[in-house]
Amino acid sequence: MTTMELEAYRAELARAILETEDWNLLDKVRRIVLPKSKKRAKAVEEEEPVMSDEEVREGLKEAFRCLKLEREGKLKAIPIEEVLDEL
């Protein structure tokens, strides 16, 4: 792969990441690109789950609770641009 091909590939990938609204996909990309610990980096490399089933359930429960509050106007959602800027 030439340098130009690599740059084009990077630009295409960056564009796809910036345009997505899929939180699960963004979370996976973040875990791969910005691992917080050696354990997490190793788990990503080995494709082992980082969270237990119970942790996933609790996370989903919290996400649905927040979504309900946002729909009721009791919670303000953060635009994806702000979330990405924090990365």
C-alpha atoms as a PDB file:
ATOM      1  CA  MET A   1       0.000   0.000   0.000  1.00  0.00           C
ATOM      2  CA  THR A   2       1.425   3.349  -1.012  1.00  0.00           C
ATOM      3  CA  THR A   3       1.455   6.428   1.198  1.00  0.00           C
ATOM      4  CA  MET A   4      -1.295   8.054  -0.863  1.00  0.00           C
ATOM      5  CA  GLU A   5      -3.470   4.949  -0.609  1.00  0.00           C
ATOM      6  CA  LEU A   6      -2.935   4.860   3.145  1.00  0.00           C
ATOM      7  CA  GLU A   7      -3.898   8.543   3.494  1.00  0.00           C
ATOM      8  CA  ALA A   8      -7.027   8.009   1.383  1.00  0.00           C
ATOM      9  CA  TYR A   9      -7.946   4.980   3.488  1.00  0.00           C
ATOM     10  CA  ARG A  10      -7.476   6.983   6.708  1.00  0.00           C
ATOM     11  CA  ALA A  11      -9.600   9.852   5.370  1.00  0.00           C
ATOM     12  CA  GLU A  12     -12.360   7.449   4.335  1.00  0.00           C
ATOM     13  CA  LEU A  13     -12.330   5.811   7.762  1.00  0.00           C
ATOM     14  CA  ALA A  14     -12.336   9.163   9.584  1.00  0.00           C
ATOM     15  CA  ARG A  15     -15.267  10.353   7.466  1.00  0.00           C
ATOM     16  CA  ALA A  16     -17.236   7.190   8.245  1.00  0.00           C
ATOM     17  CA  ILE A  17     -16.569   7.580  11.983  1.00  0.00           C
ATOM     18  CA  LEU A  18     -17.605  11.235  11.987  1.00  0.00           C
ATOM     19  CA  GLU A  19     -20.828  10.517  10.108  1.00  0.00           C
ATOM     20  CA  THR A  20     -22.012   7.582  12.207  1.00  0.00           C
ATOM     21  CA  GLU A  21     -24.600   7.944  14.941  1.00  0.00           C
ATOM     22  CA  ASP A  22     -24.183   4.350  16.143  1.00  0.00           C
ATOM     23  CA  TRP A  23     -22.999   4.621  19.754  1.00  0.00           C
ATOM     24  CA  ASN A  24     -22.011   0.946  19.895  1.00  0.00           C
ATOM     25  CA  LEU A  25     -19.765   1.326  16.869  1.00  0.00           C
ATOM     26  CA  LEU A  26     -18.211   4.513  18.245  1.00  0.00           C
ATOM     27  CA  ASP A  27     -17.602   2.803  21.586  1.00  0.00           C
ATOM     28  CA  LYS A  28     -15.876  -0.128  19.874  1.00  0.00           C
ATOM     29  CA  VAL A  29     -13.697   2.224  17.833  1.00  0.00           C
ATOM     30  CA  ARG A  30     -12.788   4.189  20.948  1.00  0.00           C
ATOM     31  CA  ARG A  31     -11.849   1.038  22.869  1.00  0.00           C
ATOM     32  CA  ILE A  32      -9.613  -0.099  20.030  1.00  0.00           C
ATOM     33  CA  VAL A  33      -7.994   3.250  19.263  1.00  0.00           C
ATOM     34  CA  LEU A  34      -7.754   4.587  22.819  1.00  0.00           C
ATOM     35  CA  PRO A  35      -7.320   1.626  25.170  1.00  0.00           C
ATOM     36  CA  LYS A  36      -7.307   2.785  28.802  1.00  0.00           C
ATOM     37  CA  SER A  37      -5.208  -0.046  30.095  1.00  0.00           C
ATOM     38  CA  LYS A  38      -3.007  -2.893  28.986  1.00  0.00           C
ATOM     39  CA  LYS A  39      -5.728  -5.336  30.034  1.00  0.00           C
ATOM     40  CA  ARG A  40      -8.296  -3.625  27.820  1.00  0.00           C
ATOM     41  CA  ALA A  41      -5.845  -3.375  24.908  1.00  0.00           C
ATOM     42  CA  LYS A  42      -5.052  -7.077  25.235  1.00  0.00           C
ATOM     43  CA  ALA A  43      -8.753  -7.967  25.418  1.00  0.00           C
ATOM     44  CA  VAL A  44      -9.438  -5.973  22.251  1.00  0.00           C
ATOM     45  CA  GLU A  45      -6.557  -7.663  20.467  1.00  0.00           C
ATOM     46  CA  GLU A  46      -7.827 -11.089  21.510  1.00  0.00           C
ATOM     47  CA  GLU A  47     -11.441 -10.069  20.847  1.00  0.00           C
ATOM     48  CA  GLU A  48     -12.516 -11.083  24.326  1.00  0.00           C
ATOM     49  CA  PRO A  49     -15.432  -9.233  25.874  1.00  0.00           C
ATOM     50  CA  VAL A  50     -14.285  -6.362  28.056  1.00  0.00           C
ATOM     51  CA  MET A  51     -17.556  -6.183  29.977  1.00  0.00           C
ATOM     52  CA  SER A  52     -19.501  -8.990  31.596  1.00  0.00           C
ATOM     53  CA  ASP A  53     -23.077  -9.733  30.564  1.00  0.00           C
ATOM     54  CA  GLU A  54     -24.314  -8.070  33.743  1.00  0.00           C
ATOM     55  CA  GLU A  55     -22.296  -4.919  32.996  1.00  0.00           C
ATOM     56  CA  VAL A  56     -23.769  -4.808  29.493  1.00  0.00           C
ATOM     57  CA  ARG A  57     -27.300  -5.197  30.879  1.00  0.00           C
ATOM     58  CA  GLU A  58     -26.744  -2.430  33.423  1.00  0.00           C
ATOM     59  CA  GLY A  59     -25.304  -0.170  30.736  1.00  0.00           C
ATOM     60  CA  LEU A  60     -28.288  -0.763  28.483  1.00  0.00           C
ATOM     61  CA  LYS A  61     -30.686  -0.196  31.371  1.00  0.00           C
ATOM     62  CA  GLU A  62     -29.002   3.140  32.110  1.00  0.00           C
ATOM     63  CA  ALA A  63     -28.996   4.108  28.411  1.00  0.00           C
ATOM     64  CA  PHE A  64     -32.733   3.412  28.097  1.00  0.00           C
ATOM     65  CA  ARG A  65     -33.414   5.342  31.310  1.00  0.00           C
ATOM     66  CA  CYS A  66     -31.510   8.334  29.929  1.00  0.00           C
ATOM     67  CA  LEU A  67     -33.285   8.057  26.581  1.00  0.00           C
ATOM     68  CA  LYS A  68     -36.666   8.078  28.348  1.00  0.00           C
ATOM     69  CA  LEU A  69     -35.685  11.140  30.388  1.00  0.00           C
ATOM     70  CA  GLU A  70     -34.433  12.908  27.259  1.00  0.00           C
ATOM     71  CA  ARG A  71     -37.702  12.203  25.428  1.00  0.00           C
ATOM     72  CA  GLU A  72     -39.660  13.538  28.417  1.00  0.00           C
ATOM     73  CA  GLY A  73     -37.564  16.729  28.322  1.00  0.00           C
ATOM     74  CA  LYS A  74     -36.034  16.060  31.745  1.00  0.00           C
ATOM     75  CA  LEU A  75     -32.534  15.473  30.390  1.00  0.00           C
ATOM     76  CA  LYS A  76     -30.636  17.285  27.656  1.00  0.00           C
ATOM     77  CA  ALA A  77     -28.824  15.072  25.142  1.00  0.00           C
ATOM     78  CA  ILE A  78     -25.260  15.934  24.125  1.00  0.00           C
ATOM     79  CA  PRO A  79     -24.749  16.395  20.369  1.00  0.00           C
ATOM     80  CA  ILE A  80     -22.431  13.813  18.801  1.00  0.00           C
ATOM     81  CA  GLU A  81     -20.057  16.587  17.722  1.00  0.00           C
ATOM     82  CA  GLU A  82     -19.398  17.489  21.369  1.00  0.00           C
ATOM     83  CA  VAL A  83     -18.822  13.848  22.267  1.00  0.00           C
ATOM     84  CA  LEU A  84     -16.346  13.432  19.427  1.00  0.00           C
ATOM     85  CA  ASP A  85     -14.569  16.668  20.375  1.00  0.00           C
ATOM     86  CA  GLU A  86     -13.960  15.194  23.838  1.00  0.00           C
ATOM     87  CA  LEU A  87     -12.205  12.218  22.292  1.00  0.00           C
END
